[in-house]
């Protein structure tokens, strides 16, 4: 019986000690500094802007290529 209670006590102590350590390893929004958060947002914004410009250029190229496929009417 003493072994069971000592095992249960050791298990509970281990779990009590491990839970705060596990909670600290999670990524919280406050782990990054404000400057790094700002830099990440700026980088995301620049990436989004670049992707938008790329899509616009691709659409323009596609439209121009479609315009050139229409042959002028032939006069007989």
PDB file of N, CA and C in Angstrom:
ATOM      1  N   UNK A   1       0.809  -1.184   0.000  1.00  0.00           N
ATOM      2  CA  UNK A   1       0.000   0.000   0.000  1.00  0.00           C
ATOM      3  C   UNK A   1       0.867   1.269   0.000  1.00  0.00           C
ATOM      4  N   UNK A   2       1.981   1.194   0.750  1.00  0.00           N
ATOM      5  CA  UNK A   2       2.879   2.348   0.786  1.00  0.00           C
ATOM      6  C   UNK A   2       3.467   2.614  -0.588  1.00  0.00           C
ATOM      7  N   UNK A   3       3.766   1.545  -1.312  1.00  0.00           N
ATOM      8  CA  UNK A   3       4.323   1.721  -2.662  1.00  0.00           C
ATOM      9  C   UNK A   3       3.330   2.426  -3.578  1.00  0.00           C
ATOM     10  N   UNK A   4       2.075   2.026  -3.488  1.00  0.00           N
ATOM     11  CA  UNK A   4       1.056   2.642  -4.337  1.00  0.00           C
ATOM     12  C   UNK A   4       0.931   4.133  -4.044  1.00  0.00           C
ATOM     13  N   UNK A   5       0.850   4.490  -2.747  1.00  0.00           N
ATOM     14  CA  UNK A   5       0.726   5.908  -2.392  1.00  0.00           C
ATOM     15  C   UNK A   5       1.975   6.701  -2.768  1.00  0.00           C
ATOM     16  N   UNK A   6       3.141   6.091  -2.598  1.00  0.00           N
ATOM     17  CA  UNK A   6       4.365   6.797  -2.988  1.00  0.00           C
ATOM     18  C   UNK A   6       4.427   6.962  -4.505  1.00  0.00           C
ATOM     19  N   UNK A   7       3.976   5.931  -5.248  1.00  0.00           N
ATOM     20  CA  UNK A   7       3.941   6.038  -6.707  1.00  0.00           C
ATOM     21  C   UNK A   7       2.955   7.127  -7.145  1.00  0.00           C
ATOM     22  N   UNK A   8       1.779   7.155  -6.528  1.00  0.00           N
ATOM     23  CA  UNK A   8       0.776   8.163  -6.863  1.00  0.00           C
ATOM     24  C   UNK A   8       1.286   9.564  -6.509  1.00  0.00           C
ATOM     25  N   UNK A   9       1.953   9.696  -5.391  1.00  0.00           N
ATOM     26  CA  UNK A   9       2.499  10.989  -4.982  1.00  0.00           C
ATOM     27  C   UNK A   9       3.579  11.457  -5.947  1.00  0.00           C
ATOM     28  N   UNK A  10       4.474  10.579  -6.340  1.00  0.00           N
ATOM     29  CA  UNK A  10       5.529  10.937  -7.284  1.00  0.00           C
ATOM     30  C   UNK A  10       4.945  11.297  -8.650  1.00  0.00           C
ATOM     31  N   UNK A  11       3.932  10.557  -9.087  1.00  0.00           N
ATOM     32  CA  UNK A  11       3.288  10.843 -10.372  1.00  0.00           C
ATOM     33  C   UNK A  11       2.626  12.215 -10.343  1.00  0.00           C
ATOM     34  N   UNK A  12       1.899  12.505  -9.275  1.00  0.00           N
ATOM     35  CA  UNK A  12       1.216  13.798  -9.193  1.00  0.00           C
ATOM     36  C   UNK A  12       2.226  14.941  -9.120  1.00  0.00           C
ATOM     37  N   UNK A  13       3.314  14.772  -8.382  1.00  0.00           N
ATOM     38  CA  UNK A  13       4.339  15.805  -8.312  1.00  0.00           C
ATOM     39  C   UNK A  13       5.002  16.027  -9.664  1.00  0.00           C
ATOM     40  N   UNK A  14       5.233  14.948 -10.361  1.00  0.00           N
ATOM     41  CA  UNK A  14       5.838  15.063 -11.695  1.00  0.00           C
ATOM     42  C   UNK A  14       4.918  15.824 -12.639  1.00  0.00           C
ATOM     43  N   UNK A  15       3.623  15.486 -12.608  1.00  0.00           N
ATOM     44  CA  UNK A  15       2.667  16.174 -13.487  1.00  0.00           C
ATOM     45  C   UNK A  15       2.539  17.641 -13.119  1.00  0.00           C
ATOM     46  N   UNK A  16       2.548  17.939 -11.830  1.00  0.00           N
ATOM     47  CA  UNK A  16       2.443  19.333 -11.395  1.00  0.00           C
ATOM     48  C   UNK A  16       3.653  20.131 -11.864  1.00  0.00           C
ATOM     49  N   UNK A  17       4.836  19.523 -11.838  1.00  0.00           N
ATOM     50  CA  UNK A  17       6.049  20.220 -12.275  1.00  0.00           C
ATOM     51  C   UNK A  17       6.124  20.333 -13.788  1.00  0.00           C
ATOM     52  N   UNK A  18       5.609  19.334 -14.510  1.00  0.00           N
ATOM     53  CA  UNK A  18       5.725  19.327 -15.970  1.00  0.00           C
ATOM     54  C   UNK A  18       4.736  20.264 -16.652  1.00  0.00           C
ATOM     55  N   UNK A  19       3.574  20.455 -16.086  1.00  0.00           N
ATOM     56  CA  UNK A  19       2.565  21.289 -16.737  1.00  0.00           C
ATOM     57  C   UNK A  19       3.000  22.741 -16.899  1.00  0.00           C
ATOM     58  N   UNK A  20       3.567  23.394 -15.898  1.00  0.00           N
ATOM     59  CA  UNK A  20       4.023  24.782 -16.137  1.00  0.00           C
ATOM     60  C   UNK A  20       5.136  24.852 -17.179  1.00  0.00           C
ATOM     61  N   UNK A  21       6.006  23.867 -17.217  1.00  0.00           N
ATOM     62  CA  UNK A  21       7.072  23.868 -18.214  1.00  0.00           C
ATOM     63  C   UNK A  21       6.488  23.694 -19.609  1.00  0.00           C
ATOM     64  N   UNK A  22       5.462  22.867 -19.741  1.00  0.00           N
ATOM     65  CA  UNK A  22       4.808  22.663 -21.033  1.00  0.00           C
ATOM     66  C   UNK A  22       4.082  23.929 -21.468  1.00  0.00           C
ATOM     67  N   UNK A  23       3.465  24.614 -20.536  1.00  0.00           N
ATOM     68  CA  UNK A  23       2.722  25.835 -20.857  1.00  0.00           C
ATOM     69  C   UNK A  23       3.661  26.928 -21.341  1.00  0.00           C
ATOM     70  N   UNK A  24       4.884  26.970 -20.846  1.00  0.00           N
ATOM     71  CA  UNK A  24       5.816  28.010 -21.263  1.00  0.00           C
ATOM     72  C   UNK A  24       6.364  27.766 -22.657  1.00  0.00           C
ATOM     73  N   UNK A  25       6.361  26.524 -23.124  1.00  0.00           N
ATOM     74  CA  UNK A  25       6.925  26.242 -24.438  1.00  0.00           C
ATOM     75  C   UNK A  25       5.963  26.568 -25.562  1.00  0.00           C
ATOM     76  N   UNK A  26       4.693  26.782 -25.255  1.00  0.00           N
ATOM     77  CA  UNK A  26       3.732  27.106 -26.305  1.00  0.00           C
ATOM     78  C   UNK A  26       4.054  28.482 -26.876  1.00  0.00           C
ATOM     79  N   UNK A  27       3.748  28.668 -28.161  1.00  0.00           N
ATOM     80  CA  UNK A  27       3.995  29.960 -28.799  1.00  0.00           C
ATOM     81  C   UNK A  27       2.863  30.909 -28.441  1.00  0.00           C
ATOM     82  N   UNK A  28       3.169  31.900 -27.686  1.00  0.00           N
ATOM     83  CA  UNK A  28       2.183  32.919 -27.366  1.00  0.00           C
ATOM     84  C   UNK A  28       2.506  34.155 -28.191  1.00  0.00           C
ATOM     85  N   UNK A  29       1.515  35.028 -28.385  1.00  0.00           N
ATOM     86  CA  UNK A  29       1.786  36.221 -29.199  1.00  0.00           C
ATOM     87  C   UNK A  29       2.776  37.179 -28.553  1.00  0.00           C
ATOM     88  N   UNK A  30       3.069  36.997 -27.281  1.00  0.00           N
ATOM     89  CA  UNK A  30       3.946  37.922 -26.592  1.00  0.00           C
ATOM     90  C   UNK A  30       5.388  37.426 -26.539  1.00  0.00           C
ATOM     91  N   UNK A  31       5.689  36.286 -27.169  1.00  0.00           N
ATOM     92  CA  UNK A  31       7.056  35.796 -27.131  1.00  0.00           C
ATOM     93  C   UNK A  31       7.952  36.623 -28.046  1.00  0.00           C
ATOM     94  N   UNK A  32       7.398  37.184 -29.109  1.00  0.00           N
ATOM     95  CA  UNK A  32       8.184  38.006 -30.031  1.00  0.00           C
ATOM     96  C   UNK A  32       8.196  39.455 -29.544  1.00  0.00           C
ATOM     97  N   UNK A  33       9.243  40.135 -29.872  1.00  0.00           N
ATOM     98  CA  UNK A  33       9.294  41.552 -29.514  1.00  0.00           C
ATOM     99  C   UNK A  33       8.401  42.335 -30.468  1.00  0.00           C
ATOM    100  N   UNK A  34       8.081  43.534 -30.068  1.00  0.00           N
ATOM    101  CA  UNK A  34       7.203  44.372 -30.886  1.00  0.00           C
ATOM    102  C   UNK A  34       7.849  44.696 -32.231  1.00  0.00           C
ATOM    103  N   UNK A  35       9.166  44.869 -32.225  1.00  0.00           N
ATOM    104  CA  UNK A  35       9.863  45.196 -33.472  1.00  0.00           C
ATOM    105  C   UNK A  35       9.811  44.023 -34.449  1.00  0.00           C
ATOM    106  N   UNK A  36       9.980  42.815 -33.939  1.00  0.00           N
ATOM    107  CA  UNK A  36       9.944  41.663 -34.832  1.00  0.00           C
ATOM    108  C   UNK A  36       8.534  41.420 -35.360  1.00  0.00           C
ATOM    109  N   UNK A  37       7.517  41.673 -34.533  1.00  0.00           N
ATOM    110  CA  UNK A  37       6.139  41.563 -35.012  1.00  0.00           C
ATOM    111  C   UNK A  37       5.876  42.576 -36.119  1.00  0.00           C
ATOM    112  N   UNK A  38       6.383  43.783 -35.929  1.00  0.00           N
ATOM    113  CA  UNK A  38       6.202  44.838 -36.932  1.00  0.00           C
ATOM    114  C   UNK A  38       6.922  44.474 -38.227  1.00  0.00           C
ATOM    115  N   UNK A  39       8.122  43.925 -38.100  1.00  0.00           N
ATOM    116  CA  UNK A  39       8.882  43.516 -39.279  1.00  0.00           C
ATOM    117  C   UNK A  39       8.175  42.383 -40.014  1.00  0.00           C
ATOM    118  N   UNK A  40       7.601  41.446 -39.270  1.00  0.00           N
ATOM    119  CA  UNK A  40       6.873  40.340 -39.901  1.00  0.00           C
ATOM    120  C   UNK A  40       5.644  40.838 -40.651  1.00  0.00           C
ATOM    121  N   UNK A  41       4.921  41.778 -40.043  1.00  0.00           N
ATOM    122  CA  UNK A  41       3.752  42.340 -40.723  1.00  0.00           C
ATOM    123  C   UNK A  41       4.164  43.094 -41.986  1.00  0.00           C
ATOM    124  N   UNK A  42       5.261  43.833 -41.902  1.00  0.00           N
ATOM    125  CA  UNK A  42       5.747  44.592 -43.059  1.00  0.00           C
ATOM    126  C   UNK A  42       6.168  43.646 -44.183  1.00  0.00           C
ATOM    127  N   UNK A  43       6.827  42.549 -43.809  1.00  0.00           N
ATOM    128  CA  UNK A  43       7.255  41.563 -44.799  1.00  0.00           C
ATOM    129  C   UNK A  43       6.050  40.903 -45.459  1.00  0.00           C
ATOM    130  N   UNK A  44       5.035  40.572 -44.666  1.00  0.00           N
ATOM    131  CA  UNK A  44       3.821  39.956 -45.221  1.00  0.00           C
ATOM    132  C   UNK A  44       3.115  40.906 -46.171  1.00  0.00           C
ATOM    133  N   UNK A  45       3.074  42.176 -45.805  1.00  0.00           N
ATOM    134  CA  UNK A  45       2.430  43.179 -46.654  1.00  0.00           C
ATOM    135  C   UNK A  45       3.183  43.325 -47.978  1.00  0.00           C
ATOM    136  N   UNK A  46       4.512  43.348 -47.910  1.00  0.00           N
ATOM    137  CA  UNK A  46       5.314  43.475 -49.125  1.00  0.00           C
ATOM    138  C   UNK A  46       5.149  42.243 -50.014  1.00  0.00           C
ATOM    139  N   UNK A  47       5.096  41.073 -49.414  1.00  0.00           N
ATOM    140  CA  UNK A  47       4.904  39.840 -50.182  1.00  0.00           C
ATOM    141  C   UNK A  47       3.557  39.846 -50.878  1.00  0.00           C
ATOM    142  N   UNK A  48       2.527  40.295 -50.152  1.00  0.00           N
ATOM    143  CA  UNK A  48       1.184  40.367 -50.726  1.00  0.00           C
ATOM    144  C   UNK A  48       1.135  41.355 -51.890  1.00  0.00           C
ATOM    145  N   UNK A  49       1.798  42.488 -51.725  1.00  0.00           N
ATOM    146  CA  UNK A  49       1.831  43.506 -52.780  1.00  0.00           C
ATOM    147  C   UNK A  49       2.562  42.971 -54.014  1.00  0.00           C
ATOM    148  N   UNK A  50       3.668  42.268 -53.801  1.00  0.00           N
ATOM    149  CA  UNK A  50       4.427  41.695 -54.902  1.00  0.00           C
ATOM    150  C   UNK A  50       3.598  40.649 -55.644  1.00  0.00           C
ATOM    151  N   UNK A  51       2.891  39.803 -54.900  1.00  0.00           N
ATOM    152  CA  UNK A  51       2.063  38.772 -55.520  1.00  0.00           C
ATOM    153  C   UNK A  51       0.941  39.399 -56.342  1.00  0.00           C
ATOM    154  N   UNK A  52       0.377  40.489 -55.838  1.00  0.00           N
ATOM    155  CA  UNK A  52      -0.686  41.188 -56.571  1.00  0.00           C
ATOM    156  C   UNK A  52      -0.145  41.759 -57.878  1.00  0.00           C
ATOM    157  N   UNK A  53       1.045  42.345 -57.831  1.00  0.00           N
ATOM    158  CA  UNK A  53       1.652  42.901 -59.045  1.00  0.00           C
ATOM    159  C   UNK A  53       1.957  41.791 -60.045  1.00  0.00           C
ATOM    160  N   UNK A  54       2.411  40.645 -59.544  1.00  0.00           N
ATOM    161  CA  UNK A  54       2.702  39.521 -60.439  1.00  0.00           C
ATOM    162  C   UNK A  54       1.429  39.028 -61.122  1.00  0.00           C
ATOM    163  N   UNK A  55       0.339  38.899 -60.352  1.00  0.00           N
ATOM    164  CA  UNK A  55      -0.939  38.455 -60.934  1.00  0.00           C
ATOM    165  C   UNK A  55      -1.426  39.447 -61.979  1.00  0.00           C
ATOM    166  N   UNK A  56      -1.272  40.740 -61.685  1.00  0.00           N
ATOM    167  CA  UNK A  56      -1.711  41.768 -62.627  1.00  0.00           C
ATOM    168  C   UNK A  56      -0.921  41.680 -63.930  1.00  0.00           C
ATOM    169  N   UNK A  57       0.391  41.482 -63.819  1.00  0.00           N
ATOM    170  CA  UNK A  57       1.226  41.362 -65.012  1.00  0.00           C
ATOM    171  C   UNK A  57       0.873  40.117 -65.801  1.00  0.00           C
ATOM    172  N   UNK A  58       0.628  39.015 -65.123  1.00  0.00           N
ATOM    173  CA  UNK A  58       0.257  37.783 -65.823  1.00  0.00           C
ATOM    174  C   UNK A  58      -1.080  37.936 -66.534  1.00  0.00           C
ATOM    175  N   UNK A  59      -2.047  38.587 -65.881  1.00  0.00           N
ATOM    176  CA  UNK A  59      -3.343  38.808 -66.522  1.00  0.00           C
ATOM    177  C   UNK A  59      -3.202  39.695 -67.752  1.00  0.00           C
ATOM    178  N   UNK A  60      -2.347  40.700 -67.649  1.00  0.00           N
ATOM    179  CA  UNK A  60      -2.144  41.601 -68.777  1.00  0.00           C
ATOM    180  C   UNK A  60      -1.499  40.851 -69.949  1.00  0.00           C
ATOM    181  N   UNK A  61      -0.500  40.035 -69.639  1.00  0.00           N
ATOM    182  CA  UNK A  61       0.148  39.248 -70.696  1.00  0.00           C
ATOM    183  C   UNK A  61      -0.838  38.278 -71.338  1.00  0.00           C
ATOM    184  N   UNK A  62      -1.690  37.668 -70.538  1.00  0.00           N
ATOM    185  CA  UNK A  62      -2.672  36.732 -71.074  1.00  0.00           C
ATOM    186  C   UNK A  62      -3.665  37.447 -71.978  1.00  0.00           C
ATOM    187  N   UNK A  63      -4.141  38.618 -71.556  1.00  0.00           N
ATOM    188  CA  UNK A  63      -5.086  39.371 -72.371  1.00  0.00           C
ATOM    189  C   UNK A  63      -4.457  39.790 -73.694  1.00  0.00           C
ATOM    190  N   UNK A  64      -3.193  40.232 -73.641  1.00  0.00           N
ATOM    191  CA  UNK A  64      -2.518  40.627 -74.874  1.00  0.00           C
ATOM    192  C   UNK A  64      -2.310  39.434 -75.795  1.00  0.00           C
ATOM    193  N   UNK A  65      -2.004  38.297 -75.251  1.00  0.00           N
ATOM    194  CA  UNK A  65      -1.821  37.114 -76.089  1.00  0.00           C
ATOM    195  C   UNK A  65      -3.143  36.675 -76.711  1.00  0.00           C
ATOM    196  N   UNK A  66      -4.238  36.878 -75.982  1.00  0.00           N
ATOM    197  CA  UNK A  66      -5.541  36.528 -76.534  1.00  0.00           C
ATOM    198  C   UNK A  66      -5.950  37.482 -77.648  1.00  0.00           C
ATOM    199  N   UNK A  67      -5.559  38.738 -77.516  1.00  0.00           N
ATOM    200  CA  UNK A  67      -5.876  39.716 -78.558  1.00  0.00           C
ATOM    201  C   UNK A  67      -5.177  39.360 -79.856  1.00  0.00           C
ATOM    202  N   UNK A  68      -3.957  38.849 -79.767  1.00  0.00           N
ATOM    203  CA  UNK A  68      -3.176  38.571 -80.962  1.00  0.00           C
ATOM    204  C   UNK A  68      -3.596  37.281 -81.655  1.00  0.00           C
ATOM    205  N   UNK A  69      -4.466  36.510 -81.045  1.00  0.00           N
ATOM    206  CA  UNK A  69      -4.882  35.257 -81.692  1.00  0.00           C
ATOM    207  C   UNK A  69      -6.022  35.465 -82.666  1.00  0.00           C
ATOM    208  N   UNK A  70      -6.696  36.599 -82.580  1.00  0.00           N
ATOM    209  CA  UNK A  70      -7.799  36.862 -83.485  1.00  0.00           C
ATOM    210  C   UNK A  70      -7.224  37.361 -84.830  1.00  0.00           C
ATOM    211  N   UNK A  71      -7.531  36.650 -85.840  1.00  0.00           N
ATOM    212  CA  UNK A  71      -7.037  37.038 -87.169  1.00  0.00           C
ATOM    213  C   UNK A  71      -7.980  38.044 -87.784  1.00  0.00           C
ATOM    214  N   UNK A  72      -7.452  38.972 -88.545  1.00  0.00           N
ATOM    215  CA  UNK A  72      -8.335  39.947 -89.198  1.00  0.00           C
ATOM    216  C   UNK A  72      -9.182  39.239 -90.266  1.00  0.00           C
ATOM    217  N   UNK A  73     -10.359  39.743 -90.499  1.00  0.00           N
ATOM    218  CA  UNK A  73     -11.215  39.108 -91.521  1.00  0.00           C
ATOM    219  C   UNK A  73     -10.568  39.218 -92.901  1.00  0.00           C
ATOM    220  N   UNK A  74     -10.645  38.140 -93.611  1.00  0.00           N
ATOM    221  CA  UNK A  74     -10.025  38.110 -94.950  1.00  0.00           C
ATOM    222  C   UNK A  74     -11.027  38.616 -95.981  1.00  0.00           C
ATOM    223  N   UNK A  75     -10.560  39.416 -96.883  1.00  0.00           N
ATOM    224  CA  UNK A  75     -11.417  39.949 -97.949  1.00  0.00           C
ATOM    225  C   UNK A  75     -11.230  39.074 -99.187  1.00  0.00           C
ATOM    226  N   UNK A  76     -12.308  38.560 -99.707  1.00  0.00           N
ATOM    227  CA  UNK A  76     -12.235  37.747-100.944  1.00  0.00           C
ATOM    228  C   UNK A  76     -12.822  38.497-102.095  1.00  0.00           C
TER     229      UNK A  76
END
